[in-house]
Amino acid sequence: MSNSLGKQERLRHRSAIDEIFRTGKSISVFPYRVYFRLNELPAVPAAANFPKTLFGVGVGKRYFKKAVDRNRIKRLTREAYRLQKHALAQAMSTNDKNLDLFFVFTGKSLPRFEECQVAIANALTRVQKQISGTA
């Protein structure tokens, strides 16, 4: 598995993100609120090459008025996820479902990268436990 976070691994469609908020579950790991949803794999032959986990991140304008700050938080979050996604990918490899993850930053101050890494690791562990409990 590659160590990158390519375009095909990202949640990009507004309808998919809305569906996560509408029908998915959520957990809170400060400074993030993590929304996730298990869904069926597409029934097309190309599904074998399709990633089993899709990832997205968002930061609200309420506390971070400047786009520079919001983009920095998103960049830190994506990097922390990219470095730690392999454990979740191994757990999903035994599952015949697809996982959509969306992280919403809820903190009020700019985080350091180490804080992001710890929070993402905790969040992924908790999501993994939830998935194994429902699968």
Protein backbone atom coordinates (compact mmCIF):
# COMPACT_ATOMS: atom_id res chain seq x y z
CA MET A 1 0.00 0.00 0.00
CA SER A 2 1.25 3.40 -0.94
CA ASN A 3 2.03 6.02 1.67
CA SER A 4 0.22 8.74 -0.28
CA LEU A 5 -3.26 10.20 0.03
CA GLY A 6 -4.31 10.37 -3.59
CA LYS A 7 -7.33 11.87 -5.25
CA GLN A 8 -9.19 8.55 -5.34
CA GLU A 9 -8.85 8.20 -1.54
CA ARG A 10 -10.55 11.52 -0.77
CA LEU A 11 -14.19 12.32 -0.22
CA ARG A 12 -14.90 14.90 -2.87
CA HIS A 13 -18.60 14.77 -3.67
CA ARG A 14 -20.94 16.95 -1.66
CA SER A 15 -23.65 14.29 -1.84
CA ALA A 16 -21.35 11.67 -0.27
CA ILE A 17 -20.38 14.07 2.53
CA ASP A 18 -24.02 14.98 3.18
CA GLU A 19 -24.86 11.26 3.33
CA ILE A 20 -22.22 10.73 6.04
CA PHE A 21 -23.73 13.52 8.14
CA ARG A 22 -27.27 12.23 7.55
CA THR A 23 -26.85 8.48 8.07
CA GLY A 24 -23.40 7.98 9.58
CA LYS A 25 -22.22 7.71 13.17
CA SER A 26 -19.98 10.16 14.93
CA ILE A 27 -17.44 10.20 17.73
CA SER A 28 -15.69 13.07 19.40
CA VAL A 29 -11.94 13.12 19.93
CA PHE A 30 -10.79 16.61 20.85
CA PRO A 31 -10.17 18.70 18.73
CA TYR A 32 -12.07 16.68 16.09
CA ARG A 33 -15.55 15.36 15.55
CA VAL A 34 -15.30 12.28 13.35
CA TYR A 35 -18.21 11.19 11.18
CA PHE A 36 -18.03 7.75 9.60
CA ARG A 37 -20.24 5.43 7.62
CA LEU A 38 -19.91 1.88 6.42
CA ASN A 39 -21.49 1.18 3.05
CA GLU A 40 -21.51 -1.58 0.49
CA LEU A 41 -18.75 -1.85 -2.10
CA PRO A 42 -19.82 -1.03 -5.66
CA ALA A 43 -20.81 -4.13 -7.61
CA VAL A 44 -18.59 -3.34 -10.59
CA PRO A 45 -15.43 -5.24 -11.56
CA ALA A 46 -13.32 -2.11 -11.09
CA ALA A 47 -14.20 -2.16 -7.37
CA ALA A 48 -11.11 -4.28 -6.71
CA ASN A 49 -8.91 -1.24 -7.43
CA PHE A 50 -11.18 1.13 -5.53
CA PRO A 51 -9.88 2.20 -2.08
CA LYS A 52 -11.91 0.86 0.83
CA THR A 53 -11.55 4.02 2.91
CA LEU A 54 -12.41 7.53 1.73
CA PHE A 55 -11.28 10.52 3.79
CA GLY A 56 -12.33 14.15 4.09
CA VAL A 57 -11.66 17.06 6.43
CA GLY A 58 -13.38 20.35 7.16
CA VAL A 59 -12.76 23.43 9.30
CA GLY A 60 -15.44 25.98 10.10
CA LYS A 61 -15.19 29.72 9.68
CA ARG A 62 -16.50 30.47 13.13
CA TYR A 63 -13.16 30.50 14.93
CA PHE A 64 -10.83 30.68 11.93
CA LYS A 65 -11.84 33.62 9.79
CA LYS A 66 -8.73 33.50 7.61
CA ALA A 67 -8.54 30.86 4.89
CA VAL A 68 -4.81 30.54 5.57
CA ASP A 69 -5.54 29.18 9.06
CA ARG A 70 -8.28 26.82 7.87
CA ASN A 71 -6.06 25.48 5.10
CA ARG A 72 -3.18 24.92 7.53
CA ILE A 73 -5.41 22.87 9.85
CA LYS A 74 -6.65 20.81 6.92
CA ARG A 75 -3.08 20.23 5.73
CA LEU A 76 -1.95 19.10 9.19
CA THR A 77 -4.96 16.80 9.51
CA ARG A 78 -4.43 15.21 6.09
CA GLU A 79 -0.74 14.63 6.84
CA ALA A 80 -1.48 13.06 10.25
CA TYR A 81 -4.09 10.79 8.65
CA ARG A 82 -1.81 9.87 5.74
CA LEU A 83 0.90 8.67 8.12
CA GLN A 84 -1.49 6.58 10.23
CA LYS A 85 -4.03 5.20 7.75
CA HIS A 86 -2.36 1.81 7.36
CA ALA A 87 -3.75 0.26 10.55
CA LEU A 88 -7.27 1.18 9.50
CA ALA A 89 -6.64 -0.10 5.99
CA GLN A 90 -5.56 -3.48 7.38
CA ALA A 91 -8.72 -3.69 9.46
CA MET A 92 -10.83 -2.81 6.42
CA SER A 93 -9.08 -5.39 4.21
CA THR A 94 -10.91 -8.20 6.03
CA ASN A 95 -14.23 -6.37 5.73
CA ASP A 96 -16.33 -6.45 2.55
CA LYS A 97 -17.58 -2.91 3.07
CA ASN A 98 -16.41 0.58 2.28
CA LEU A 99 -15.66 3.20 4.97
CA ASP A 100 -16.23 6.93 4.55
CA LEU A 101 -14.52 9.16 7.14
CA PHE A 102 -14.96 12.88 7.60
CA PHE A 103 -13.04 14.86 10.24
CA VAL A 104 -14.43 18.21 11.39
CA PHE A 105 -12.03 20.36 13.39
CA THR A 106 -13.86 21.74 16.45
CA GLY A 107 -10.97 23.33 18.38
CA LYS A 108 -10.70 27.07 18.88
CA SER A 109 -6.96 27.55 18.40
CA LEU A 110 -4.39 26.49 15.83
CA PRO A 111 -3.07 23.02 16.71
CA ARG A 112 0.49 21.76 16.53
CA PHE A 113 1.21 18.77 14.33
CA GLU A 114 1.89 16.52 17.34
CA GLU A 115 -1.58 17.30 18.74
CA CYS A 116 -3.13 16.41 15.40
CA GLN A 117 -1.22 13.13 15.24
CA VAL A 118 -2.31 12.04 18.71
CA ALA A 119 -5.94 12.99 18.09
CA ILE A 120 -6.04 11.26 14.70
CA ALA A 121 -4.47 8.10 16.16
CA ASN A 122 -7.07 8.02 18.96
CA ALA A 123 -9.89 8.68 16.52
CA LEU A 124 -8.81 5.94 14.12
CA THR A 125 -8.52 3.47 17.00
CA ARG A 126 -12.01 4.31 18.19
CA VAL A 127 -13.47 4.08 14.69
CA GLN A 128 -11.77 0.72 14.23
CA LYS A 129 -13.36 -0.55 17.47
CA GLN A 130 -16.79 0.71 16.40
CA ILE A 131 -16.46 -0.95 13.00
CA SER A 132 -15.36 -4.28 14.45
CA GLY A 133 -18.31 -4.13 16.86
CA THR A 134 -20.86 -3.56 14.08
CA ALA A 135 -19.34 -5.74 11.35
